[in-house]
Amino acid sequence: MIDRYAPGLPRTIHFSIANLHFNISSRSLPIVTDYDASYKDFLASPSDPSADCMDISLHEKADMPGITHCTKIFETPESWQMLSDTTDKYIVFQSPDSTDTDPEWTARIDSNRQNINVFCNKKQLAESSNELGMANPVRYPLDQILLIHCLVGKGILIHAAGIVVQGKGCLFAGPSGAGKTTISGLFQNQTQCTILSDDRMVIRKPGPDFLMYGTPWPGEAGIAINESAALRGIFFLKHGTENRIKELSLHDFLDNFFKVSSLPLYDEKDLQKSMDFCEDLLQGIKAYELNFKPGPEIIDGIRSCLAG
């Protein structure tokens, strides 16, 4: 775990994922933060006012807004749901282990997606300074939900390992068990290779090229590096009895891509913007089906494919 800030607790925290800056502040209680080690590379200095950023204000439970007037638009099998009224969206989180009837936190997102207020139900005493603070809610899953929501039309989160091979960014995509951690392990000792993540990556297009970005949400290998690289290919992983790489048609590319992408299914307009982004991506990036059996032999095949 990252050490808590000491002496004294902060009232502002900054971190950055895929060049999207999270500026978190609290006017009342200071913030108790105990981010996992995977976040260490993503903590940042205050962002440039012109940067792509989200301003997130933390508030105490007493200020929590009522949501009985809202319409439920999305609910996960886990513990959070999204609601909306005529202007704003609300993300409500209730821990499955909690005995409290009130949400652990409620996040209100205004229509411009930049000003976000999070109302917290939880306070805790910081071990380092014996100071009462507010438990920081902007971590998984809230930070990931906000990232998906605020990147609509500008980027997308994908279940994939991200590996830079001889300067070329490659995504190795697949659901849990497809082999993302395995393929990352095969590349770990290879020369001219950098692994940015072994589980989740972000794709954005800030200029003429698509870039892939590491995230602080690693898989079993625990790899999370805050770097980016130009994206040159997406490999959809399948376990097989032999090593084989096959370029995919546009139709097969789409079919595979949507199965591993985090899409805003809760909003028709947002979904269309994300589909437009995906269509642009599919026109510019090659995709392959990668059947492989665990072993270093597949590395040469991937290198040859990238060189072709």
C-alpha atoms as a PDB file:
ATOM      1  CA  MET A   1       0.000   0.000   0.000  1.00  0.00           C
ATOM      2  CA  ILE A   2       1.102   3.590  -0.567  1.00  0.00           C
ATOM      3  CA  ASP A   3       1.899   5.352   2.707  1.00  0.00           C
ATOM      4  CA  ARG A   4      -0.734   7.782   3.854  1.00  0.00           C
ATOM      5  CA  TYR A   5       0.242  11.420   3.582  1.00  0.00           C
ATOM      6  CA  ALA A   6       1.972  12.536   6.765  1.00  0.00           C
ATOM      7  CA  PRO A   7       2.235  14.694   8.739  1.00  0.00           C
ATOM      8  CA  GLY A   8      -1.334  15.854   8.340  1.00  0.00           C
ATOM      9  CA  LEU A   9      -3.855  14.799   5.745  1.00  0.00           C
ATOM     10  CA  PRO A  10      -4.302  16.528   2.375  1.00  0.00           C
ATOM     11  CA  ARG A  11      -7.361  18.394   1.169  1.00  0.00           C
ATOM     12  CA  THR A  12      -6.462  17.873  -2.482  1.00  0.00           C
ATOM     13  CA  ILE A  13      -5.285  14.806  -4.423  1.00  0.00           C
ATOM     14  CA  HIS A  14      -4.331  14.597  -8.086  1.00  0.00           C
ATOM     15  CA  PHE A  15      -3.837  11.621 -10.341  1.00  0.00           C
ATOM     16  CA  SER A  16      -3.956  10.975 -14.061  1.00  0.00           C
ATOM     17  CA  ILE A  17      -5.159   8.042 -16.169  1.00  0.00           C
ATOM     18  CA  ALA A  18      -4.828   8.080 -19.971  1.00  0.00           C
ATOM     19  CA  ASN A  19      -3.962  11.779 -19.782  1.00  0.00           C
ATOM     20  CA  LEU A  20      -7.291  12.491 -18.095  1.00  0.00           C
ATOM     21  CA  HIS A  21      -6.609  14.331 -14.848  1.00  0.00           C
ATOM     22  CA  PHE A  22      -8.601  13.713 -11.672  1.00  0.00           C
ATOM     23  CA  ASN A  23      -8.486  16.774  -9.408  1.00  0.00           C
ATOM     24  CA  ILE A  24     -10.016  15.757  -6.053  1.00  0.00           C
ATOM     25  CA  SER A  25     -10.681  18.250  -3.266  1.00  0.00           C
ATOM     26  CA  SER A  26     -12.525  18.479   0.043  1.00  0.00           C
ATOM     27  CA  ARG A  27     -13.527  21.726   1.764  1.00  0.00           C
ATOM     28  CA  SER A  28     -14.621  20.118   5.020  1.00  0.00           C
ATOM     29  CA  LEU A  29     -12.685  17.117   6.283  1.00  0.00           C
ATOM     30  CA  PRO A  30      -9.235  16.271   4.921  1.00  0.00           C
ATOM     31  CA  ILE A  31      -8.884  13.167   2.747  1.00  0.00           C
ATOM     32  CA  VAL A  32      -7.654   9.807   3.984  1.00  0.00           C
ATOM     33  CA  THR A  33      -6.079   7.980   1.050  1.00  0.00           C
ATOM     34  CA  ASP A  34      -4.596   4.509   1.012  1.00  0.00           C
ATOM     35  CA  TYR A  35      -4.304   3.727  -2.677  1.00  0.00           C
ATOM     36  CA  ASP A  36      -3.008   0.324  -3.698  1.00  0.00           C
ATOM     37  CA  ALA A  37       0.570   0.229  -4.944  1.00  0.00           C
ATOM     38  CA  SER A  38      -0.678   0.054  -8.539  1.00  0.00           C
ATOM     39  CA  TYR A  39      -1.758   3.724  -8.259  1.00  0.00           C
ATOM     40  CA  LYS A  40       1.679   4.996  -7.300  1.00  0.00           C
ATOM     41  CA  ASP A  41       2.722   5.713 -10.889  1.00  0.00           C
ATOM     42  CA  PHE A  42      -0.527   7.590 -11.552  1.00  0.00           C
ATOM     43  CA  LEU A  43      -0.386  10.155  -8.729  1.00  0.00           C
ATOM     44  CA  ALA A  44       0.270  13.557 -10.234  1.00  0.00           C
ATOM     45  CA  SER A  45       0.849  17.248  -9.608  1.00  0.00           C
ATOM     46  CA  PRO A  46      -1.998  19.735 -10.100  1.00  0.00           C
ATOM     47  CA  SER A  47      -2.936  19.716 -13.775  1.00  0.00           C
ATOM     48  CA  ASP A  48      -2.622  22.546 -16.247  1.00  0.00           C
ATOM     49  CA  PRO A  49      -5.961  24.442 -16.381  1.00  0.00           C
ATOM     50  CA  SER A  50      -6.123  23.697 -20.113  1.00  0.00           C
ATOM     51  CA  ALA A  51      -5.640  19.941 -19.626  1.00  0.00           C
ATOM     52  CA  ASP A  52      -8.401  17.372 -20.067  1.00  0.00           C
ATOM     53  CA  CYS A  53      -9.566  17.055 -16.487  1.00  0.00           C
ATOM     54  CA  MET A  54     -12.347  16.264 -14.051  1.00  0.00           C
ATOM     55  CA  ASP A  55     -12.865  18.393 -10.953  1.00  0.00           C
ATOM     56  CA  ILE A  56     -14.191  16.177  -8.169  1.00  0.00           C
ATOM     57  CA  SER A  57     -15.451  17.710  -4.914  1.00  0.00           C
ATOM     58  CA  LEU A  58     -15.948  15.535  -1.835  1.00  0.00           C
ATOM     59  CA  HIS A  59     -18.762  16.259   0.617  1.00  0.00           C
ATOM     60  CA  GLU A  60     -19.960  14.765   3.874  1.00  0.00           C
ATOM     61  CA  LYS A  61     -23.016  12.557   4.305  1.00  0.00           C
ATOM     62  CA  ALA A  62     -25.158  15.433   5.654  1.00  0.00           C
ATOM     63  CA  ASP A  63     -25.069  17.066   2.210  1.00  0.00           C
ATOM     64  CA  MET A  64     -25.988  13.893   0.315  1.00  0.00           C
ATOM     65  CA  PRO A  65     -28.757  14.654  -2.213  1.00  0.00           C
ATOM     66  CA  GLY A  66     -32.018  12.796  -2.340  1.00  0.00           C
ATOM     67  CA  ILE A  67     -32.415  10.474  -5.301  1.00  0.00           C
ATOM     68  CA  THR A  68     -36.000   9.294  -4.907  1.00  0.00           C
ATOM     69  CA  HIS A  69     -37.048  11.537  -7.817  1.00  0.00           C
ATOM     70  CA  CYS A  70     -34.493   9.913 -10.163  1.00  0.00           C
ATOM     71  CA  THR A  71     -34.994   7.214 -12.767  1.00  0.00           C
ATOM     72  CA  LYS A  72     -32.796   4.117 -12.600  1.00  0.00           C
ATOM     73  CA  ILE A  73     -31.053   3.662 -15.951  1.00  0.00           C
ATOM     74  CA  PHE A  74     -28.415   1.034 -15.201  1.00  0.00           C
ATOM     75  CA  GLU A  75     -27.590  -1.502 -12.502  1.00  0.00           C
ATOM     76  CA  THR A  76     -24.634  -3.850 -12.185  1.00  0.00           C
ATOM     77  CA  PRO A  77     -24.718  -7.353 -10.715  1.00  0.00           C
ATOM     78  CA  GLU A  78     -22.169  -6.048  -8.194  1.00  0.00           C
ATOM     79  CA  SER A  79     -22.948  -3.049  -6.049  1.00  0.00           C
ATOM     80  CA  TRP A  80     -23.485   0.158  -8.006  1.00  0.00           C
ATOM     81  CA  GLN A  81     -26.251   1.661 -10.091  1.00  0.00           C
ATOM     82  CA  MET A  82     -26.740   4.748 -12.243  1.00  0.00           C
ATOM     83  CA  LEU A  83     -29.769   7.041 -12.060  1.00  0.00           C
ATOM     84  CA  SER A  84     -30.701  10.292 -13.766  1.00  0.00           C
ATOM     85  CA  ASP A  85     -33.014  13.278 -13.516  1.00  0.00           C
ATOM     86  CA  THR A  86     -33.616  15.987 -16.096  1.00  0.00           C
ATOM     87  CA  THR A  87     -30.078  17.396 -15.894  1.00  0.00           C
ATOM     88  CA  ASP A  88     -27.663  15.179 -13.967  1.00  0.00           C
ATOM     89  CA  LYS A  89     -26.585  11.573 -13.595  1.00  0.00           C
ATOM     90  CA  TYR A  90     -26.041   9.866 -10.245  1.00  0.00           C
ATOM     91  CA  ILE A  91     -23.807   6.877  -9.483  1.00  0.00           C
ATOM     92  CA  VAL A  92     -24.741   5.180  -6.220  1.00  0.00           C
ATOM     93  CA  PHE A  93     -22.523   2.619  -4.497  1.00  0.00           C
ATOM     94  CA  GLN A  94     -23.580   0.284  -1.714  1.00  0.00           C
ATOM     95  CA  SER A  95     -21.046  -2.261  -0.471  1.00  0.00           C
ATOM     96  CA  PRO A  96     -22.535  -5.771  -0.424  1.00  0.00           C
ATOM     97  CA  ASP A  97     -20.995  -6.270   3.025  1.00  0.00           C
ATOM     98  CA  SER A  98     -22.449  -3.093   4.534  1.00  0.00           C
ATOM     99  CA  THR A  99     -25.244  -3.151   7.105  1.00  0.00           C
ATOM    100  CA  ASP A 100     -25.917   0.561   6.563  1.00  0.00           C
ATOM    101  CA  THR A 101     -29.089   1.342   4.619  1.00  0.00           C
ATOM    102  CA  ASP A 102     -27.547   4.511   3.154  1.00  0.00           C
ATOM    103  CA  PRO A 103     -25.196   4.391   0.150  1.00  0.00           C
ATOM    104  CA  GLU A 104     -21.468   4.340   0.859  1.00  0.00           C
ATOM    105  CA  TRP A 105     -21.187   7.192  -1.615  1.00  0.00           C
ATOM    106  CA  THR A 106     -23.268   8.987  -4.233  1.00  0.00           C
ATOM    107  CA  ALA A 107     -21.602  10.759  -7.164  1.00  0.00           C
ATOM    108  CA  ARG A 108     -23.469  13.477  -9.057  1.00  0.00           C
ATOM    109  CA  ILE A 109     -22.203  14.255 -12.566  1.00  0.00           C
ATOM    110  CA  ASP A 110     -23.382  17.384 -14.337  1.00  0.00           C
ATOM    111  CA  SER A 111     -24.118  17.545 -18.049  1.00  0.00           C
ATOM    112  CA  ASN A 112     -20.654  18.792 -19.078  1.00  0.00           C
ATOM    113  CA  ARG A 113     -18.995  15.731 -17.434  1.00  0.00           C
ATOM    114  CA  GLN A 114     -16.300  17.859 -15.814  1.00  0.00           C
ATOM    115  CA  ASN A 115     -17.753  18.912 -12.446  1.00  0.00           C
ATOM    116  CA  ILE A 116     -18.460  15.955 -10.200  1.00  0.00           C
ATOM    117  CA  ASN A 117     -19.643  15.997  -6.594  1.00  0.00           C
ATOM    118  CA  VAL A 118     -19.218  12.896  -4.439  1.00  0.00           C
ATOM    119  CA  PHE A 119     -21.128  12.628  -1.168  1.00  0.00           C
ATOM    120  CA  CYS A 120     -19.450  10.273   1.283  1.00  0.00           C
ATOM    121  CA  ASN A 121     -20.981   8.240   4.074  1.00  0.00           C
ATOM    122  CA  LYS A 122     -17.691   7.120   5.564  1.00  0.00           C
ATOM    123  CA  LYS A 123     -15.220   8.814   7.884  1.00  0.00           C
ATOM    124  CA  GLN A 124     -12.131   7.284   9.400  1.00  0.00           C
ATOM    125  CA  LEU A 125      -9.245   8.158  11.658  1.00  0.00           C
ATOM    126  CA  ALA A 126      -5.887   8.339   9.934  1.00  0.00           C
ATOM    127  CA  GLU A 127      -3.307   6.088  11.555  1.00  0.00           C
ATOM    128  CA  SER A 128      -0.415   8.412  10.744  1.00  0.00           C
ATOM    129  CA  SER A 129      -1.680  11.593  12.410  1.00  0.00           C
ATOM    130  CA  ASN A 130      -4.637  10.592  14.602  1.00  0.00           C
ATOM    131  CA  GLU A 131      -6.629  13.044  12.484  1.00  0.00           C
ATOM    132  CA  LEU A 132     -10.250  12.540  11.487  1.00  0.00           C
ATOM    133  CA  GLY A 133     -10.625  12.478   7.716  1.00  0.00           C
ATOM    134  CA  MET A 134     -12.939  11.438   4.930  1.00  0.00           C
ATOM    135  CA  ALA A 135     -12.284   8.041   3.337  1.00  0.00           C
ATOM    136  CA  ASN A 136     -11.378   8.751  -0.280  1.00  0.00           C
ATOM    137  CA  PRO A 137     -14.024   7.214  -2.585  1.00  0.00           C
ATOM    138  CA  VAL A 138     -12.223   8.041  -5.856  1.00  0.00           C
ATOM    139  CA  ARG A 139     -10.656   4.651  -6.396  1.00  0.00           C
ATOM    140  CA  TYR A 140     -11.917   1.423  -7.972  1.00  0.00           C
ATOM    141  CA  PRO A 141     -14.751   1.190  -8.993  1.00  0.00           C
ATOM    142  CA  LEU A 142     -15.632   4.922  -8.971  1.00  0.00           C
ATOM    143  CA  ASP A 143     -12.545   6.133 -10.823  1.00  0.00           C
ATOM    144  CA  GLN A 144     -13.094   3.538 -13.545  1.00  0.00           C
ATOM    145  CA  ILE A 145     -16.805   4.410 -13.892  1.00  0.00           C
ATOM    146  CA  LEU A 146     -15.965   8.121 -14.141  1.00  0.00           C
ATOM    147  CA  LEU A 147     -13.248   7.446 -16.706  1.00  0.00           C
ATOM    148  CA  ILE A 148     -15.648   5.474 -18.923  1.00  0.00           C
ATOM    149  CA  HIS A 149     -18.320   8.144 -18.580  1.00  0.00           C
ATOM    150  CA  CYS A 150     -16.037  11.109 -19.245  1.00  0.00           C
ATOM    151  CA  LEU A 151     -14.233   9.536 -22.217  1.00  0.00           C
ATOM    152  CA  VAL A 152     -17.438   8.998 -24.204  1.00  0.00           C
ATOM    153  CA  GLY A 153     -16.651   9.705 -27.851  1.00  0.00           C
ATOM    154  CA  LYS A 154     -13.003  10.433 -27.020  1.00  0.00           C
ATOM    155  CA  GLY A 155     -11.701   7.061 -25.874  1.00  0.00           C
ATOM    156  CA  ILE A 156     -12.568   3.623 -24.634  1.00  0.00           C
ATOM    157  CA  LEU A 157     -11.524   1.197 -21.893  1.00  0.00           C
ATOM    158  CA  ILE A 158     -10.693  -2.312 -23.061  1.00  0.00           C
ATOM    159  CA  HIS A 159      -9.888  -5.584 -21.283  1.00  0.00           C
ATOM    160  CA  ALA A 160      -6.431  -6.111 -22.704  1.00  0.00           C
ATOM    161  CA  ALA A 161      -2.778  -6.386 -21.849  1.00  0.00           C
ATOM    162  CA  GLY A 162      -0.791  -3.536 -23.376  1.00  0.00           C
ATOM    163  CA  ILE A 163       2.728  -4.308 -24.567  1.00  0.00           C
ATOM    164  CA  VAL A 164       5.143  -2.106 -26.502  1.00  0.00           C
ATOM    165  CA  VAL A 165       7.125  -4.345 -28.865  1.00  0.00           C
ATOM    166  CA  GLN A 166      10.088  -2.652 -30.553  1.00  0.00           C
ATOM    167  CA  GLY A 167       8.340   0.710 -30.268  1.00  0.00           C
ATOM    168  CA  LYS A 168       4.972  -0.558 -31.530  1.00  0.00           C
ATOM    169  CA  GLY A 169       1.973  -0.615 -29.214  1.00  0.00           C
ATOM    170  CA  CYS A 170       0.024  -3.880 -29.148  1.00  0.00           C
ATOM    171  CA  LEU A 171      -3.141  -4.794 -27.304  1.00  0.00           C
ATOM    172  CA  PHE A 172      -3.714  -8.431 -26.381  1.00  0.00           C
ATOM    173  CA  ALA A 173      -7.423  -8.503 -25.645  1.00  0.00           C
ATOM    174  CA  GLY A 174      -9.738 -11.052 -24.108  1.00  0.00           C
ATOM    175  CA  PRO A 175     -12.027 -11.784 -21.168  1.00  0.00           C
ATOM    176  CA  SER A 176     -10.785 -13.272 -17.902  1.00  0.00           C
ATOM    177  CA  GLY A 177      -8.902 -16.503 -18.565  1.00  0.00           C
ATOM    178  CA  ALA A 178      -8.110 -15.732 -22.206  1.00  0.00           C
ATOM    179  CA  GLY A 179      -4.376 -15.457 -21.561  1.00  0.00           C
ATOM    180  CA  LYS A 180      -3.596 -11.770 -20.940  1.00  0.00           C
ATOM    181  CA  THR A 181      -1.416 -12.527 -17.931  1.00  0.00           C
ATOM    182  CA  THR A 182       0.196 -15.476 -19.730  1.00  0.00           C
ATOM    183  CA  ILE A 183       1.153 -13.435 -22.802  1.00  0.00           C
ATOM    184  CA  SER A 184       2.469 -10.652 -20.539  1.00  0.00           C
ATOM    185  CA  GLY A 185       4.668 -13.176 -18.752  1.00  0.00           C
ATOM    186  CA  LEU A 186       6.097 -14.393 -22.059  1.00  0.00           C
ATOM    187  CA  PHE A 187       7.120 -10.842 -22.990  1.00  0.00           C
ATOM    188  CA  GLN A 188       8.547  -9.864 -19.587  1.00  0.00           C
ATOM    189  CA  ASN A 189      12.106 -10.973 -20.311  1.00  0.00           C
ATOM    190  CA  GLN A 190      12.141  -9.955 -23.970  1.00  0.00           C
ATOM    191  CA  THR A 191      14.411  -7.155 -25.184  1.00  0.00           C
ATOM    192  CA  GLN A 192      12.876  -3.928 -26.504  1.00  0.00           C
ATOM    193  CA  CYS A 193       9.543  -4.705 -24.810  1.00  0.00           C
ATOM    194  CA  THR A 194       7.616  -2.759 -22.170  1.00  0.00           C
ATOM    195  CA  ILE A 195       4.435  -4.037 -20.536  1.00  0.00           C
ATOM    196  CA  LEU A 196       2.077  -1.205 -19.536  1.00  0.00           C
ATOM    197  CA  SER A 197      -0.688  -3.369 -18.069  1.00  0.00           C
ATOM    198  CA  ASP A 198      -1.661  -7.031 -17.959  1.00  0.00           C
ATOM    199  CA  ASP A 199      -5.426  -6.474 -17.796  1.00  0.00           C
ATOM    200  CA  ARG A 200      -6.985  -3.103 -18.725  1.00  0.00           C
ATOM    201  CA  MET A 201      -5.938  -0.406 -21.152  1.00  0.00           C
ATOM    202  CA  VAL A 202      -7.392   2.810 -22.559  1.00  0.00           C
ATOM    203  CA  ILE A 203      -7.418   3.774 -26.232  1.00  0.00           C
ATOM    204  CA  ARG A 204      -7.566   7.470 -27.172  1.00  0.00           C
ATOM    205  CA  LYS A 205      -6.880   9.563 -30.265  1.00  0.00           C
ATOM    206  CA  PRO A 206      -5.480  12.910 -29.081  1.00  0.00           C
ATOM    207  CA  GLY A 207      -3.947  13.621 -32.504  1.00  0.00           C
ATOM    208  CA  PRO A 208      -3.540  11.828 -35.832  1.00  0.00           C
ATOM    209  CA  ASP A 209      -2.636   8.504 -34.172  1.00  0.00           C
ATOM    210  CA  PHE A 210      -4.456   6.221 -31.793  1.00  0.00           C
ATOM    211  CA  LEU A 211      -2.591   5.809 -28.525  1.00  0.00           C
ATOM    212  CA  MET A 212      -2.875   3.108 -25.899  1.00  0.00           C
ATOM    213  CA  TYR A 213      -2.452   3.966 -22.208  1.00  0.00           C
ATOM    214  CA  GLY A 214      -1.683   1.926 -19.118  1.00  0.00           C
ATOM    215  CA  THR A 215      -4.143   2.013 -16.193  1.00  0.00           C
ATOM    216  CA  PRO A 216      -3.893   1.407 -12.419  1.00  0.00           C
ATOM    217  CA  TRP A 217      -6.176  -1.649 -12.650  1.00  0.00           C
ATOM    218  CA  PRO A 218      -3.819  -4.587 -13.226  1.00  0.00           C
ATOM    219  CA  GLY A 219      -4.486  -8.297 -13.476  1.00  0.00           C
ATOM    220  CA  GLU A 220      -2.772 -11.187 -11.741  1.00  0.00           C
ATOM    221  CA  ALA A 221       0.713  -9.992 -12.701  1.00  0.00           C
ATOM    222  CA  GLY A 222       0.139  -6.623 -10.999  1.00  0.00           C
ATOM    223  CA  ILE A 223       1.594  -4.579 -13.881  1.00  0.00           C
ATOM    224  CA  ALA A 224       0.428  -0.933 -14.027  1.00  0.00           C
ATOM    225  CA  ILE A 225       2.614   1.688 -15.741  1.00  0.00           C
ATOM    226  CA  ASN A 226       1.485   5.233 -16.499  1.00  0.00           C
ATOM    227  CA  GLU A 227       2.844   5.430 -20.039  1.00  0.00           C
ATOM    228  CA  SER A 228       1.436   5.450 -23.559  1.00  0.00           C
ATOM    229  CA  ALA A 229       2.441   4.263 -27.015  1.00  0.00           C
ATOM    230  CA  ALA A 230       1.144   4.541 -30.572  1.00  0.00           C
ATOM    231  CA  LEU A 231      -1.249   1.658 -31.178  1.00  0.00           C
ATOM    232  CA  ARG A 232      -0.313  -0.552 -34.132  1.00  0.00           C
ATOM    233  CA  GLY A 233      -2.372  -3.714 -33.676  1.00  0.00           C
ATOM    234  CA  ILE A 234      -4.977  -5.522 -31.580  1.00  0.00           C
ATOM    235  CA  PHE A 235      -4.634  -9.261 -31.000  1.00  0.00           C
ATOM    236  CA  PHE A 236      -7.688 -11.145 -29.715  1.00  0.00           C
ATOM    237  CA  LEU A 237      -6.460 -14.023 -27.595  1.00  0.00           C
ATOM    238  CA  LYS A 238      -7.605 -17.606 -27.864  1.00  0.00           C
ATOM    239  CA  HIS A 239      -5.991 -20.658 -26.311  1.00  0.00           C
ATOM    240  CA  GLY A 240      -5.106 -23.284 -28.888  1.00  0.00           C
ATOM    241  CA  THR A 241      -3.086 -26.390 -29.568  1.00  0.00           C
ATOM    242  CA  GLU A 242      -0.938 -24.555 -32.100  1.00  0.00           C
ATOM    243  CA  ASN A 243       0.324 -21.026 -32.676  1.00  0.00           C
ATOM    244  CA  ARG A 244      -1.566 -19.175 -35.387  1.00  0.00           C
ATOM    245  CA  ILE A 245      -2.160 -15.502 -36.224  1.00  0.00           C
ATOM    246  CA  LYS A 246      -5.000 -14.595 -38.583  1.00  0.00           C
ATOM    247  CA  GLU A 247      -5.971 -11.096 -39.695  1.00  0.00           C
ATOM    248  CA  LEU A 248      -9.641 -10.410 -39.001  1.00  0.00           C
ATOM    249  CA  SER A 249     -12.313  -8.993 -41.261  1.00  0.00           C
ATOM    250  CA  LEU A 250     -14.088  -5.823 -40.184  1.00  0.00           C
ATOM    251  CA  HIS A 251     -17.125  -7.849 -39.089  1.00  0.00           C
ATOM    252  CA  ASP A 252     -15.047 -10.226 -36.934  1.00  0.00           C
ATOM    253  CA  PHE A 253     -13.056  -7.294 -35.573  1.00  0.00           C
ATOM    254  CA  LEU A 254     -16.287  -5.640 -34.387  1.00  0.00           C
ATOM    255  CA  ASP A 255     -17.656  -8.844 -32.927  1.00  0.00           C
ATOM    256  CA  ASN A 256     -14.523  -9.449 -30.873  1.00  0.00           C
ATOM    257  CA  PHE A 257     -13.955  -5.816 -29.907  1.00  0.00           C
ATOM    258  CA  PHE A 258     -17.366  -5.176 -28.390  1.00  0.00           C
ATOM    259  CA  LYS A 259     -17.039  -8.259 -26.161  1.00  0.00           C
ATOM    260  CA  VAL A 260     -14.020  -6.763 -24.373  1.00  0.00           C
ATOM    261  CA  SER A 261     -14.884  -3.043 -24.408  1.00  0.00           C
ATOM    262  CA  SER A 262     -16.517  -1.059 -21.610  1.00  0.00           C
ATOM    263  CA  LEU A 263     -19.358   0.693 -23.438  1.00  0.00           C
ATOM    264  CA  PRO A 264     -21.884   3.172 -21.950  1.00  0.00           C
ATOM    265  CA  LEU A 265     -24.878   0.875 -22.430  1.00  0.00           C
ATOM    266  CA  TYR A 266     -26.943   3.058 -20.109  1.00  0.00           C
ATOM    267  CA  ASP A 267     -27.307   5.952 -22.575  1.00  0.00           C
ATOM    268  CA  GLU A 268     -28.314   5.715 -26.242  1.00  0.00           C
ATOM    269  CA  LYS A 269     -26.571   8.939 -27.291  1.00  0.00           C
ATOM    270  CA  ASP A 270     -23.388   8.109 -25.403  1.00  0.00           C
ATOM    271  CA  LEU A 271     -23.396   4.617 -26.870  1.00  0.00           C
ATOM    272  CA  GLN A 272     -23.641   6.033 -30.388  1.00  0.00           C
ATOM    273  CA  LYS A 273     -20.675   8.349 -29.738  1.00  0.00           C
ATOM    274  CA  SER A 274     -18.662   5.384 -28.501  1.00  0.00           C
ATOM    275  CA  MET A 275     -19.669   3.343 -31.553  1.00  0.00           C
ATOM    276  CA  ASP A 276     -18.477   6.184 -33.796  1.00  0.00           C
ATOM    277  CA  PHE A 277     -15.132   6.182 -31.979  1.00  0.00           C
ATOM    278  CA  CYS A 278     -14.880   2.403 -32.444  1.00  0.00           C
ATOM    279  CA  GLU A 279     -15.679   2.695 -36.156  1.00  0.00           C
ATOM    280  CA  ASP A 280     -12.867   5.211 -36.576  1.00  0.00           C
ATOM    281  CA  LEU A 281     -10.533   2.877 -34.660  1.00  0.00           C
ATOM    282  CA  LEU A 282     -11.437  -0.133 -36.767  1.00  0.00           C
ATOM    283  CA  GLN A 283     -10.700   1.753 -39.965  1.00  0.00           C
ATOM    284  CA  GLY A 284      -7.194   2.658 -38.826  1.00  0.00           C
ATOM    285  CA  ILE A 285      -5.885  -0.276 -36.784  1.00  0.00           C
ATOM    286  CA  LYS A 286      -5.339  -3.874 -37.875  1.00  0.00           C
ATOM    287  CA  ALA A 287      -6.764  -6.687 -35.786  1.00  0.00           C
ATOM    288  CA  TYR A 288      -5.793 -10.331 -35.511  1.00  0.00           C
ATOM    289  CA  GLU A 289      -6.985 -13.533 -33.920  1.00  0.00           C
ATOM    290  CA  LEU A 290      -4.094 -14.957 -31.932  1.00  0.00           C
ATOM    291  CA  ASN A 291      -4.340 -18.661 -31.188  1.00  0.00           C
ATOM    292  CA  PHE A 292      -1.429 -19.688 -29.002  1.00  0.00           C
ATOM    293  CA  LYS A 293      -0.156 -22.339 -26.681  1.00  0.00           C
ATOM    294  CA  PRO A 294       1.889 -21.065 -23.740  1.00  0.00           C
ATOM    295  CA  GLY A 295       5.529 -20.902 -24.728  1.00  0.00           C
ATOM    296  CA  PRO A 296       8.102 -18.449 -26.096  1.00  0.00           C
ATOM    297  CA  GLU A 297       7.622 -19.601 -29.708  1.00  0.00           C
ATOM    298  CA  ILE A 298       4.643 -17.274 -30.201  1.00  0.00           C
ATOM    299  CA  ILE A 299       6.841 -14.226 -29.604  1.00  0.00           C
ATOM    300  CA  ASP A 300       8.607 -14.589 -32.964  1.00  0.00           C
ATOM    301  CA  GLY A 301       5.265 -14.898 -34.717  1.00  0.00           C
ATOM    302  CA  ILE A 302       4.019 -11.654 -33.164  1.00  0.00           C
ATOM    303  CA  ARG A 303       7.223  -9.846 -34.062  1.00  0.00           C
ATOM    304  CA  SER A 304       6.985 -11.059 -37.671  1.00  0.00           C
ATOM    305  CA  CYS A 305       3.361  -9.953 -37.877  1.00  0.00           C
ATOM    306  CA  LEU A 306       4.256  -6.455 -36.685  1.00  0.00           C
ATOM    307  CA  ALA A 307       7.159  -6.226 -39.122  1.00  0.00           C
ATOM    308  CA  GLY A 308       4.947  -7.182 -42.089  1.00  0.00           C
END
